Amino acid sequence: MPPTQAESVIRSIIREIGQECAAHGEIVSETLIAFMVKAVVLDPSNGFNMDRTLMKSDVQNLVQLCMTRLLDTKNPSLDTIKMQVYFDMNYTNRVEFLEEHHRVLESRLGSVTREITDNRACAKEELESLYRKIISYVLLRSGLGSPTDIKTVREVTAALQSVFPQAELGTFLTLSKKDKERQLKELTMIVTGIRLFNRDCGKGGEGVDDLPAVLHVAIPATMQHIDYQLETARSQVYRYTAILEKAANDPLMRAELQPYMLKEALYNIRQYEVFLQIILSDIITGAQEVEMMTKQLAAHLEQLKMTIKSKTAVPTSQVFPIFIALSTLWTSLQDETIVVGVLSNLFTHIQPFLGAHELYFPERVMQCHLNGATVKTDVCRMKEHMDRVNVADFRKLEWLFPETTANFDKLLIQYRGFCAYTFAATDGLLLPGNPAIGILKYKEKYYTFNSKDAAYSFAENPEHYIDIVREKAKKNAELIQLLELHQQFETLIPYSQANLRQKVTHSVQTDLSHLRRENCSQVYPPKDTSTQSMREDSTGVPRPQIYLAGLRGGKSRITDEVKVNLTRDVDET
């Protein structure tokens, strides 16, 4: 089937499923439906042959299977997939987000800017009107107060007149359009710096919030709230893992647990944990930025006071650069307030995707199954297995260790740092690998293991265990995102292009670099590694073009077309 025809069929299937879901009272996004189509087709138990054209009966079967899964509201796997799709559609790393935020602000100022730069004022009234427009522009660009507040307008007017009196409009009008725009931006920064200095001296600052004080309260509070949820989630992870380990040696218990989908619940809570780590890591980065900027702000204000102190006239060459520096720092603080708000909102909106846990595993059920089981934390497991592999036992395989490997803690570990051998040998149990044992480099990819024995077993036949992991992911499609298996599935379904972003959001899973800690409070801790949120060049994933209302805190709406296709995963992040 030609690519365009295949895409047309897929779009038709997605529309039909959406309409059917709506008829049953469930409003489901096209993105979620597209992922579910992919999941159903991948699952070998459904019998779809990806090498042949879908017949009418295939389409009907596909629609029905997708409907069944999308309407199963008590399924941890569906909750996980919904969480993954929601996060992918709403999370952007802080650098990309701020770039987009600034583009939106520029576009909003476009009409005001053009009214000024295209102005051909000559008469006195026209010049006065132009000057008022410049005042409004300065206020709007700075974001410090409302153009309708008389006190704020008066303060901005006074500051602007001190550096750009109305008499200079004639010269301004002779400039080129680009030079006018450049001067408007510079005037805004100087006026903003003056207002911030006056505010610090107690002589102005009308409508200017104390951002350092706001952030000093908001950031630790947000971090503490997220960290508490993170530790709560981990506690749940450890208990599920203990039950599954106990059931591994008890066939009767395994049969008893099967209807409860405990592994699917484990994947759900592990995915939630991963997303909280990403959010928390971004907030910690922001906290460090705010701390640095607050110190710089105080230093610049002090420098201004010393420069201006007891002087009747100060050269503009001395103070203007400081005013501009103040404005730049304040803009960055404004950015941080928006980032914290967006991340906090994202955190709030992924919590509902944990609904199945209390339903399936109330405390009395958990306690019953935990009887006789040993609950261990991830850190405890790592400490129990610190024995290294003996490199001499492997002739053709390369093992990496911290003292012999540059950037050891920044290596991109396969399966998000979980042990591939344990996952394959136990039919899906997730245990974190321990880099201290040694990291296996195999075909330019890196693997960690939860014990020395697991490392040796995997090394005997890596391809065997890699295949098992891939086959398991076909049956539980949420694992493609959770274990970062996108590359293995990117060409499995033909006739389409990738359209969702791919992010690499972790390095080696260690207590420090991956924020795995025993205690449940976290306020401005030192960070040994940088936040990683990058794309792998080998995948050729295009720049993301998907944005949703609310992503920018309700301040922007980008309407790029979402082209649904299935060559790569809808849940790539």
Protein backbone atom coordinates (compact mmCIF):
# COMPACT_ATOMS: atom_id res chain seq x y z
CA MET A 1 0.00 0.00 0.00
CA PRO A 2 1.48 3.42 -0.93
CA PRO A 3 2.44 5.64 2.03
CA THR A 4 -0.28 8.26 1.41
CA GLN A 5 -2.97 5.58 1.13
CA ALA A 6 -1.74 3.86 4.31
CA GLU A 7 -1.79 7.16 6.21
CA SER A 8 -5.30 7.84 4.95
CA VAL A 9 -6.46 4.44 6.22
CA ILE A 10 -4.81 5.03 9.59
CA ARG A 11 -6.41 8.46 9.93
CA SER A 12 -9.78 6.92 9.08
CA ILE A 13 -9.27 4.22 11.73
CA ILE A 14 -8.29 6.83 14.33
CA ARG A 15 -11.37 8.95 13.57
CA GLU A 16 -13.66 5.94 13.79
CA ILE A 17 -12.21 4.85 17.15
CA GLY A 18 -12.53 8.41 18.47
CA GLN A 19 -16.19 8.57 17.46
CA GLU A 20 -16.91 5.16 18.98
CA CYS A 21 -15.22 6.15 22.26
CA ALA A 22 -17.21 9.39 22.35
CA ALA A 23 -20.42 7.39 21.86
CA HIS A 24 -19.48 5.45 25.00
CA GLY A 25 -18.87 8.66 26.97
CA GLU A 26 -15.05 8.65 26.69
CA ILE A 27 -13.35 11.62 25.02
CA VAL A 28 -9.97 10.32 23.82
CA SER A 29 -7.27 12.32 22.04
CA GLU A 30 -6.15 11.30 18.57
CA THR A 31 -2.60 10.97 19.88
CA LEU A 32 -3.67 8.41 22.48
CA ILE A 33 -5.71 6.52 19.88
CA ALA A 34 -2.76 6.48 17.48
CA PHE A 35 -0.55 5.03 20.19
CA MET A 36 -3.15 2.41 21.01
CA VAL A 37 -3.37 1.41 17.34
CA LYS A 38 0.40 0.95 17.40
CA ALA A 39 0.21 -1.08 20.62
CA VAL A 40 -2.51 -3.39 19.31
CA VAL A 41 -0.72 -4.00 16.01
CA LEU A 42 2.58 -4.72 17.79
CA ASP A 43 1.10 -7.30 20.17
CA PRO A 44 1.74 -10.67 18.46
CA SER A 45 -1.24 -12.24 20.20
CA ASN A 46 -3.52 -10.06 18.05
CA GLY A 47 -2.23 -11.67 14.84
CA PHE A 48 -1.62 -8.62 12.65
CA ASN A 49 0.83 -9.12 9.78
CA MET A 50 2.65 -5.86 9.15
CA ASP A 51 3.95 -7.03 5.78
CA ARG A 52 0.53 -7.15 4.12
CA THR A 53 -2.27 -4.69 3.46
CA LEU A 54 -4.99 -4.46 6.08
CA MET A 55 -8.22 -6.08 4.87
CA LYS A 56 -11.65 -4.80 5.89
CA SER A 57 -11.94 -7.54 8.50
CA ASP A 58 -8.50 -6.55 9.85
CA VAL A 59 -9.63 -2.96 10.21
CA GLN A 60 -12.81 -3.98 12.03
CA ASN A 61 -10.80 -6.22 14.35
CA LEU A 62 -8.26 -3.45 14.97
CA VAL A 63 -10.97 -0.93 15.81
CA GLN A 64 -12.67 -3.36 18.19
CA LEU A 65 -9.44 -4.29 19.99
CA CYS A 66 -8.50 -0.63 20.40
CA MET A 67 -11.97 0.18 21.69
CA THR A 68 -11.80 -2.60 24.24
CA ARG A 69 -8.47 -1.36 25.58
CA LEU A 70 -9.38 2.34 25.56
CA LEU A 71 -12.63 1.76 27.44
CA ASP A 72 -11.01 -0.48 30.08
CA THR A 73 -10.76 2.23 32.72
CA LYS A 74 -9.49 -0.15 35.43
CA ASN A 75 -6.31 -1.15 33.62
CA PRO A 76 -2.87 0.00 34.91
CA SER A 77 -1.38 -0.38 31.41
CA LEU A 78 -3.90 2.05 29.94
CA ASP A 79 -3.21 4.49 32.78
CA THR A 80 0.51 4.28 32.02
CA ILE A 81 0.00 4.86 28.30
CA LYS A 82 -2.27 7.83 29.03
CA MET A 83 0.37 9.22 31.40
CA GLN A 84 3.10 8.79 28.79
CA VAL A 85 1.10 10.48 26.05
CA TYR A 86 0.08 13.35 28.34
CA PHE A 87 3.65 13.93 29.50
CA ASP A 88 5.04 13.77 25.99
CA MET A 89 2.52 16.31 24.75
CA ASN A 90 3.00 18.70 27.65
CA TYR A 91 6.64 18.49 28.69
CA THR A 92 9.37 20.50 27.02
CA ASN A 93 12.84 20.86 28.51
CA ARG A 94 13.47 24.26 30.06
CA VAL A 95 15.72 25.56 27.24
CA GLU A 96 13.20 24.78 24.49
CA PHE A 97 10.32 26.01 26.60
CA LEU A 98 11.93 29.40 27.30
CA GLU A 99 12.89 29.83 23.65
CA GLU A 100 9.27 29.24 22.67
CA HIS A 101 7.99 31.47 25.46
CA HIS A 102 10.15 34.36 24.22
CA ARG A 103 8.98 33.79 20.64
CA VAL A 104 5.38 34.06 21.85
CA LEU A 105 6.12 37.31 23.70
CA GLU A 106 7.75 38.77 20.59
CA SER A 107 4.76 37.83 18.45
CA ARG A 108 2.40 39.51 20.91
CA LEU A 109 4.43 42.71 20.77
CA GLY A 110 4.44 42.60 16.97
CA SER A 111 1.49 44.92 16.37
CA VAL A 112 2.62 47.46 18.99
CA THR A 113 6.15 47.39 17.59
CA ARG A 114 4.89 48.00 14.04
CA GLU A 115 2.74 50.92 15.16
CA ILE A 116 5.92 52.57 16.42
CA THR A 117 8.47 51.56 13.76
CA ASP A 118 6.13 52.30 10.84
CA ASN A 119 5.03 55.64 12.32
CA ARG A 120 5.50 58.79 10.24
CA ALA A 121 4.51 61.34 12.89
CA CYS A 122 5.11 65.02 12.12
CA ALA A 123 2.57 67.13 13.98
CA LYS A 124 2.88 67.78 17.71
CA GLU A 125 -0.20 65.66 18.53
CA GLU A 126 1.13 62.79 16.42
CA LEU A 127 4.50 62.91 18.19
CA GLU A 128 2.82 62.92 21.60
CA SER A 129 0.73 59.91 20.55
CA LEU A 130 3.87 58.09 19.35
CA TYR A 131 5.62 58.78 22.67
CA ARG A 132 2.65 57.31 24.57
CA LYS A 133 2.87 54.20 22.37
CA ILE A 134 6.56 53.85 23.26
CA ILE A 135 5.63 54.05 26.96
CA SER A 136 3.06 51.29 26.46
CA TYR A 137 5.62 49.21 24.57
CA VAL A 138 8.16 49.57 27.39
CA LEU A 139 5.56 48.48 29.94
CA LEU A 140 4.35 45.54 27.91
CA ARG A 141 7.84 44.25 27.08
CA SER A 142 9.09 44.56 30.66
CA GLY A 143 6.01 42.85 32.13
CA LEU A 144 6.32 45.10 35.20
CA GLY A 145 2.89 46.49 35.89
CA SER A 146 -0.24 47.27 33.89
CA PRO A 147 -0.50 49.93 31.15
CA THR A 148 -3.86 50.89 32.70
CA ASP A 149 -2.39 51.65 36.13
CA ILE A 150 -1.84 55.42 36.37
CA LYS A 151 0.95 55.26 38.99
CA THR A 152 2.86 52.67 36.97
CA VAL A 153 2.51 54.69 33.75
CA ARG A 154 3.73 57.84 35.49
CA GLU A 155 6.76 56.01 36.86
CA VAL A 156 7.65 54.54 33.47
CA THR A 157 7.12 57.93 31.79
CA ALA A 158 9.47 59.65 34.23
CA ALA A 159 12.14 56.97 33.79
CA LEU A 160 11.83 57.08 29.99
CA GLN A 161 12.00 60.89 29.88
CA SER A 162 15.24 60.79 31.85
CA VAL A 163 16.98 58.73 29.16
CA PHE A 164 14.88 59.45 26.06
CA PRO A 165 13.06 62.78 26.17
CA GLN A 166 10.28 63.39 23.67
CA ALA A 167 12.50 65.90 21.87
CA GLU A 168 14.61 62.97 20.56
CA LEU A 169 11.69 61.48 18.63
CA GLY A 170 12.77 63.31 15.49
CA THR A 171 16.11 61.52 15.46
CA PHE A 172 14.41 58.21 16.31
CA LEU A 173 12.09 58.52 13.29
CA THR A 174 15.06 58.80 10.92
CA LEU A 175 16.41 55.39 11.95
CA SER A 176 15.91 52.21 9.96
CA LYS A 177 13.22 49.78 11.09
CA LYS A 178 15.80 47.39 12.60
CA ASP A 179 17.58 50.19 14.42
CA LYS A 180 14.26 51.41 15.81
CA GLU A 181 13.48 47.94 17.11
CA ARG A 182 16.95 47.66 18.62
CA GLN A 183 16.61 51.03 20.36
CA LEU A 184 13.14 50.17 21.70
CA LYS A 185 14.51 46.99 23.30
CA GLU A 186 17.46 48.85 24.79
CA LEU A 187 15.24 51.63 26.13
CA THR A 188 13.00 49.01 27.75
CA MET A 189 15.97 47.43 29.50
CA ILE A 190 17.34 50.75 30.74
CA VAL A 191 13.93 51.91 32.02
CA THR A 192 13.40 48.54 33.69
CA GLY A 193 16.80 48.80 35.36
CA ILE A 194 15.99 52.31 36.61
CA ARG A 195 12.67 51.13 38.05
CA LEU A 196 14.32 48.17 39.78
CA PHE A 197 16.97 50.45 41.26
CA ASN A 198 14.35 52.96 42.43
CA ARG A 199 12.37 50.12 43.97
CA ASP A 200 15.44 48.92 45.85
CA CYS A 201 15.96 52.47 47.15
CA GLY A 202 12.32 52.68 48.25
CA LYS A 203 11.49 55.39 45.72
CA GLY A 204 9.47 53.47 43.13
CA GLY A 205 8.78 50.04 41.74
CA GLU A 206 5.02 50.41 41.38
CA GLY A 207 3.53 47.11 40.19
CA VAL A 208 6.85 45.23 40.49
CA ASP A 209 6.58 41.95 42.41
CA ASP A 210 9.44 40.80 44.63
CA LEU A 211 10.35 37.86 42.41
CA PRO A 212 13.37 36.65 44.43
CA ALA A 213 11.16 36.44 47.53
CA VAL A 214 8.34 34.73 45.61
CA LEU A 215 10.69 32.15 44.13
CA HIS A 216 12.49 31.64 47.44
CA VAL A 217 9.19 30.38 48.84
CA ALA A 218 7.66 28.74 45.75
CA ILE A 219 10.60 26.63 44.60
CA PRO A 220 11.40 24.82 47.90
CA ALA A 221 7.68 24.27 48.52
CA THR A 222 7.21 22.75 45.07
CA MET A 223 10.33 20.62 45.42
CA GLN A 224 9.26 19.35 48.82
CA HIS A 225 5.81 18.43 47.53
CA ILE A 226 7.18 16.58 44.50
CA ASP A 227 9.87 14.88 46.55
CA TYR A 228 7.28 13.64 49.02
CA GLN A 229 5.25 12.14 46.17
CA LEU A 230 8.43 10.65 44.72
CA GLU A 231 9.31 8.91 47.96
CA THR A 232 5.71 7.71 48.34
CA ALA A 233 5.82 6.27 44.81
CA ARG A 234 9.13 4.55 45.52
CA SER A 235 7.74 3.01 48.67
CA GLN A 236 4.95 1.54 46.55
CA VAL A 237 7.51 0.31 43.99
CA TYR A 238 9.52 -1.48 46.67
CA ARG A 239 6.44 -3.24 48.04
CA TYR A 240 5.23 -4.37 44.60
CA THR A 241 8.73 -5.63 43.81
CA ALA A 242 8.89 -7.59 47.06
CA ILE A 243 5.55 -9.28 46.33
CA LEU A 244 6.61 -10.16 42.78
CA GLU A 245 9.89 -11.62 44.02
CA LYS A 246 8.00 -13.70 46.55
CA ALA A 247 5.56 -14.88 43.86
CA ALA A 248 8.44 -15.88 41.56
CA ASN A 249 9.07 -18.87 43.83
CA ASP A 250 5.41 -19.68 44.47
CA PRO A 251 3.32 -20.90 41.48
CA LEU A 252 0.06 -20.72 43.45
CA MET A 253 0.74 -17.14 44.43
CA ARG A 254 1.60 -16.25 40.82
CA ALA A 255 -1.74 -17.65 39.66
CA GLU A 256 -3.53 -15.77 42.42
CA LEU A 257 -1.88 -12.46 41.48
CA GLN A 258 -2.40 -12.74 37.72
CA PRO A 259 -5.83 -11.03 37.60
CA TYR A 260 -4.42 -8.11 39.60
CA MET A 261 -1.91 -7.13 36.89
CA LEU A 262 0.74 -6.42 39.52
CA LYS A 263 3.57 -6.08 36.99
CA GLU A 264 1.51 -3.62 34.98
CA ALA A 265 0.94 -1.68 38.20
CA LEU A 266 4.69 -1.74 38.83
CA TYR A 267 5.33 -0.32 35.35
CA ASN A 268 2.77 2.39 36.04
CA ILE A 269 4.38 3.54 39.26
CA ARG A 270 7.90 3.24 37.82
CA GLN A 271 6.88 5.48 34.90
CA TYR A 272 5.40 7.98 37.35
CA GLU A 273 8.68 7.90 39.27
CA VAL A 274 10.65 8.63 36.09
CA PHE A 275 8.47 11.61 35.21
CA LEU A 276 8.72 13.03 38.72
CA GLN A 277 12.51 12.75 38.51
CA ILE A 278 12.52 14.71 35.26
CA ILE A 279 10.29 17.45 36.72
CA LEU A 280 12.23 17.60 39.97
CA SER A 281 15.56 17.74 38.16
CA ASP A 282 14.34 20.73 36.12
CA ILE A 283 13.15 22.49 39.26
CA ILE A 284 16.49 21.87 41.00
CA THR A 285 18.25 23.37 37.99
CA GLY A 286 15.93 26.37 38.26
CA ALA A 287 16.63 26.69 41.99
CA GLN A 288 20.35 26.86 41.32
CA GLU A 289 19.80 29.48 38.61
CA VAL A 290 17.63 31.60 40.91
CA GLU A 291 20.17 31.43 43.72
CA MET A 292 22.93 32.62 41.38
CA MET A 293 20.79 35.36 39.80
CA THR A 294 19.62 36.68 43.17
CA LYS A 295 23.25 37.16 44.24
CA GLN A 296 24.09 38.89 40.97
CA LEU A 297 21.06 41.14 41.31
CA ALA A 298 22.14 42.27 44.78
CA ALA A 299 25.69 42.85 43.55
CA HIS A 300 24.54 45.04 40.64
CA LEU A 301 22.24 47.08 42.87
CA GLU A 302 25.08 47.64 45.33
CA GLN A 303 27.38 48.64 42.46
CA LEU A 304 24.81 51.21 41.30
CA LYS A 305 24.49 52.68 44.78
CA MET A 306 28.27 53.08 45.04
CA THR A 307 28.43 54.62 41.54
CA ILE A 308 25.61 57.12 42.09
CA LYS A 309 26.37 57.87 45.76
CA SER A 310 26.77 61.59 46.45
CA LYS A 311 27.22 62.46 42.78
CA THR A 312 25.16 65.14 41.07
CA ALA A 313 25.84 63.72 37.58
CA VAL A 314 26.89 60.23 36.52
CA PRO A 315 28.03 59.38 32.97
CA THR A 316 25.52 57.18 31.18
CA SER A 317 28.38 54.93 30.07
CA GLN A 318 28.79 53.91 33.72
CA VAL A 319 25.19 53.28 34.71
CA PHE A 320 23.41 52.19 31.54
CA PRO A 321 25.24 48.83 31.31
CA ILE A 322 24.29 48.12 34.94
CA PHE A 323 20.64 49.02 34.30
CA ILE A 324 20.65 46.64 31.32
CA ALA A 325 22.23 43.88 33.42
CA LEU A 326 19.53 44.36 36.09
CA SER A 327 16.83 44.09 33.45
CA THR A 328 18.35 40.93 31.98
CA LEU A 329 18.50 39.27 35.40
CA TRP A 330 14.91 40.26 36.16
CA THR A 331 13.70 38.81 32.85
CA SER A 332 15.42 35.54 33.76
CA LEU A 333 13.69 35.56 37.15
CA GLN A 334 10.37 36.10 35.38
CA ASP A 335 11.20 33.11 33.20
CA GLU A 336 11.83 30.96 36.26
CA THR A 337 8.45 31.80 37.78
CA ILE A 338 6.77 30.64 34.57
CA VAL A 339 8.85 27.45 34.38
CA VAL A 340 8.08 26.54 38.00
CA GLY A 341 4.39 27.14 37.38
CA VAL A 342 4.33 24.98 34.24
CA LEU A 343 6.26 22.14 35.89
CA SER A 344 4.06 22.27 38.98
CA ASN A 345 0.97 22.14 36.77
CA LEU A 346 2.40 19.17 34.84
CA PHE A 347 3.12 17.36 38.11
CA THR A 348 -0.46 17.92 39.26
CA HIS A 349 -1.93 16.61 36.01
CA ILE A 350 -0.04 13.30 35.87
CA GLN A 351 -1.17 12.22 39.36
CA PRO A 352 -4.64 11.06 38.22
CA PHE A 353 -2.99 8.37 36.08
CA LEU A 354 -2.29 6.36 39.25
CA GLY A 355 -5.93 5.52 39.85
CA ALA A 356 -5.74 1.73 39.55
CA HIS A 357 -3.48 1.21 42.57
CA GLU A 358 -5.96 1.80 45.36
CA LEU A 359 -8.60 -0.07 43.39
CA TYR A 360 -6.55 -3.23 42.94
CA PHE A 361 -4.21 -3.06 45.91
CA PRO A 362 -5.88 -1.71 49.05
CA GLU A 363 -3.70 -1.87 52.16
CA ARG A 364 -5.26 -5.08 53.49
CA VAL A 365 -4.47 -6.91 50.23
CA MET A 366 -0.92 -5.53 50.21
CA GLN A 367 -0.27 -6.60 53.79
CA CYS A 368 -1.57 -10.09 53.09
CA HIS A 369 0.78 -10.60 50.15
CA LEU A 370 3.70 -8.92 51.91
CA ASN A 371 3.57 -11.42 54.76
CA GLY A 372 6.96 -13.14 54.75
CA ALA A 373 8.38 -10.92 51.97
CA THR A 374 11.43 -8.68 52.38
CA VAL A 375 10.92 -5.10 51.20
CA LYS A 376 14.15 -3.53 49.92
CA THR A 377 14.86 -0.09 48.52
CA ASP A 378 16.72 0.37 45.25
CA VAL A 379 19.68 1.80 47.14
CA CYS A 380 19.71 -1.14 49.52
CA ARG A 381 19.79 -3.56 46.58
CA MET A 382 22.74 -1.73 45.08
CA LYS A 383 24.65 -1.85 48.35
CA GLU A 384 24.01 -5.59 48.62
CA HIS A 385 25.62 -6.28 45.25
CA MET A 386 28.87 -4.37 44.90
CA ASP A 387 31.07 -7.21 43.61
CA ARG A 388 32.60 -6.27 40.28
CA VAL A 389 32.84 -8.46 37.23
CA ASN A 390 36.30 -9.84 36.51
CA VAL A 391 37.36 -8.38 33.16
CA ALA A 392 39.74 -11.29 32.63
CA ASP A 393 36.71 -13.61 32.36
CA PHE A 394 35.64 -11.89 29.12
CA ARG A 395 37.82 -11.91 26.05
CA LYS A 396 35.53 -10.22 23.53
CA LEU A 397 33.39 -7.97 25.75
CA GLU A 398 34.32 -4.56 27.11
CA TRP A 399 33.48 -3.55 30.69
CA LEU A 400 33.61 0.04 31.93
CA PHE A 401 34.38 1.30 35.45
CA PRO A 402 34.33 4.78 36.98
CA GLU A 403 38.08 5.13 37.49
CA THR A 404 38.89 4.11 33.91
CA THR A 405 36.05 5.77 31.99
CA ALA A 406 35.64 9.49 31.30
CA ASN A 407 32.13 10.82 32.01
CA PHE A 408 31.18 7.46 33.49
CA ASP A 409 28.10 8.88 35.21
CA LYS A 410 26.85 10.43 31.96
CA LEU A 411 26.78 7.26 29.86
CA LEU A 412 23.34 6.63 28.36
CA ILE A 413 22.32 3.30 29.82
CA GLN A 414 19.93 1.00 27.98
CA TYR A 415 16.50 0.21 29.45
CA ARG A 416 16.62 3.37 31.55
CA GLY A 417 19.16 1.71 33.82
CA PHE A 418 17.11 -1.39 34.67
CA CYS A 419 18.72 -4.83 34.60
CA ALA A 420 17.96 -6.53 31.26
CA TYR A 421 18.82 -10.00 32.53
CA THR A 422 16.46 -9.81 35.52
CA PHE A 423 13.69 -8.39 33.36
CA ALA A 424 14.06 -11.19 30.80
CA ALA A 425 14.59 -14.04 33.28
CA THR A 426 11.63 -13.11 35.52
CA ASP A 427 9.13 -12.26 32.77
CA GLY A 428 9.20 -8.54 33.37
CA LEU A 429 10.44 -7.68 36.87
CA LEU A 430 12.17 -4.29 36.96
CA LEU A 431 15.24 -4.00 39.18
CA PRO A 432 17.74 -1.14 38.83
CA GLY A 433 21.19 -1.98 37.54
CA ASN A 434 24.25 -1.11 39.62
CA PRO A 435 26.99 0.66 37.62
CA ALA A 436 29.51 -0.20 40.34
CA ILE A 437 29.40 -3.84 39.21
CA GLY A 438 30.64 -2.71 35.81
CA ILE A 439 28.90 -1.36 32.72
CA LEU A 440 28.86 -3.67 29.72
CA LYS A 441 29.57 -2.02 26.38
CA TYR A 442 27.97 -4.13 23.67
CA LYS A 443 27.52 -2.94 20.08
CA GLU A 444 28.13 0.67 21.16
CA LYS A 445 25.37 0.49 23.79
CA TYR A 446 25.69 0.33 27.56
CA TYR A 447 24.03 -2.09 30.00
CA THR A 448 23.94 -2.31 33.80
CA PHE A 449 22.94 -5.25 36.00
CA ASN A 450 21.59 -5.68 39.50
CA SER A 451 24.17 -8.33 40.45
CA LYS A 452 27.43 -9.86 39.28
CA ASP A 453 25.65 -13.13 38.48
CA ALA A 454 23.11 -11.27 36.33
CA ALA A 455 25.94 -9.54 34.47
CA TYR A 456 27.67 -12.85 33.71
CA SER A 457 24.42 -14.48 32.57
CA PHE A 458 23.56 -11.64 30.21
CA ALA A 459 27.10 -11.53 28.82
CA GLU A 460 26.89 -15.19 27.78
CA ASN A 461 24.24 -14.34 25.16
CA PRO A 462 23.30 -10.64 25.00
CA GLU A 463 21.18 -10.97 21.86
CA HIS A 464 18.99 -13.60 23.50
CA TYR A 465 18.04 -11.32 26.37
CA ILE A 466 17.70 -8.25 24.16
CA ASP A 467 15.21 -10.19 22.02
CA ILE A 468 13.23 -11.25 25.10
CA VAL A 469 12.96 -7.63 26.27
CA ARG A 470 11.77 -6.54 22.82
CA GLU A 471 9.14 -9.30 22.65
CA LYS A 472 7.88 -8.43 26.11
CA ALA A 473 7.51 -4.80 25.03
CA LYS A 474 5.29 -5.90 22.14
CA LYS A 475 2.85 -7.34 24.66
CA ASN A 476 3.11 -4.42 27.06
CA ALA A 477 3.48 -1.37 24.82
CA GLU A 478 3.99 0.99 27.77
CA LEU A 479 7.46 -0.58 28.12
CA ILE A 480 8.57 1.01 24.83
CA GLN A 481 8.51 4.39 26.55
CA LEU A 482 9.45 3.24 30.03
CA LEU A 483 12.52 1.28 28.88
CA GLU A 484 13.32 3.67 26.00
CA LEU A 485 13.03 1.08 23.23
CA HIS A 486 12.03 3.53 20.49
CA GLN A 487 14.88 2.69 18.14
CA GLN A 488 14.05 -1.01 18.18
CA PHE A 489 10.51 -0.31 16.98
CA GLU A 490 10.97 2.71 14.75
CA THR A 491 10.84 0.86 11.42
CA LEU A 492 8.57 -1.98 12.45
CA ILE A 493 5.43 -0.39 10.98
CA PRO A 494 6.04 1.23 7.58
CA TYR A 495 4.47 4.10 5.66
CA SER A 496 4.80 7.02 8.01
CA GLN A 497 7.14 9.56 9.57
CA ALA A 498 7.95 10.38 13.21
CA ASN A 499 6.29 13.43 14.59
CA LEU A 500 6.71 13.37 18.35
CA ARG A 501 9.86 14.36 20.17
CA GLN A 502 12.39 11.97 21.59
CA LYS A 503 14.21 12.88 24.77
CA VAL A 504 16.94 11.13 26.64
CA THR A 505 16.17 11.97 30.23
CA HIS A 506 18.71 10.06 32.29
CA SER A 507 22.23 8.85 32.53
CA VAL A 508 23.56 6.18 34.88
CA GLN A 509 21.03 5.33 37.58
CA THR A 510 22.91 6.04 40.79
CA ASP A 511 21.89 7.44 44.13
CA LEU A 512 23.27 10.87 43.29
CA SER A 513 22.94 11.30 39.55
CA HIS A 514 19.41 9.91 39.32
CA LEU A 515 18.07 11.51 42.49
CA ARG A 516 17.55 8.17 44.24
CA ARG A 517 17.74 8.91 47.94
CA GLU A 518 16.50 7.31 51.15
CA ASN A 519 15.30 10.48 52.86
CA CYS A 520 12.13 12.31 51.87
CA SER A 521 13.15 15.96 51.97
CA GLN A 522 15.15 17.73 49.33
CA VAL A 523 16.06 21.40 49.38
CA TYR A 524 18.77 22.73 47.08
CA PRO A 525 21.06 19.67 47.15
CA PRO A 526 24.33 19.65 45.22
CA LYS A 527 23.95 18.20 41.74
CA ASP A 528 26.80 16.06 40.46
CA THR A 529 25.53 15.77 36.90
CA SER A 530 23.78 18.07 34.52
CA THR A 531 20.18 17.55 33.49
CA GLN A 532 20.17 15.56 30.27
CA SER A 533 17.36 16.10 27.82
CA MET A 534 18.76 15.54 24.37
CA ARG A 535 17.98 13.63 21.21
CA GLU A 536 20.09 10.83 19.85
CA ASP A 537 21.37 11.88 16.43
CA SER A 538 21.01 8.39 15.04
CA THR A 539 17.22 8.45 15.19
CA GLY A 540 16.76 11.48 12.94
CA VAL A 541 13.76 12.70 14.93
CA PRO A 542 12.54 16.06 13.58
CA ARG A 543 12.06 19.15 15.69
CA PRO A 544 8.84 18.80 17.72
CA GLN A 545 5.83 20.61 16.27
CA ILE A 546 3.21 19.73 18.87
CA TYR A 547 1.98 22.17 21.48
CA LEU A 548 -1.22 22.14 23.49
CA ALA A 549 -3.33 24.85 25.07
CA GLY A 550 -2.16 25.27 28.63
CA LEU A 551 1.42 24.22 27.93
CA ARG A 552 2.51 27.81 28.25
CA GLY A 553 0.54 28.37 31.39
CA GLY A 554 -2.48 29.50 29.37
CA LYS A 555 -0.54 32.26 27.62
CA SER A 556 -0.06 30.86 24.16
CA ARG A 557 -1.66 28.65 21.57
CA ILE A 558 0.31 27.14 18.71
CA THR A 559 -1.72 25.42 16.06
CA ASP A 560 0.81 23.34 14.14
CA GLU A 561 -0.91 20.40 12.50
CA VAL A 562 -0.49 17.07 14.27
CA LYS A 563 0.32 14.49 11.61
CA VAL A 564 -0.51 11.09 13.06
CA ASN A 565 1.68 8.26 11.81
CA LEU A 566 3.17 5.09 13.17
CA THR A 567 6.69 4.43 11.92
CA ARG A 568 8.05 5.44 15.31
CA ASP A 569 6.34 5.50 18.63
CA VAL A 570 3.69 8.04 19.42
CA ASP A 571 5.12 8.00 22.96
CA GLU A 572 8.70 8.94 22.03
CA THR A 573 10.16 11.28 24.62
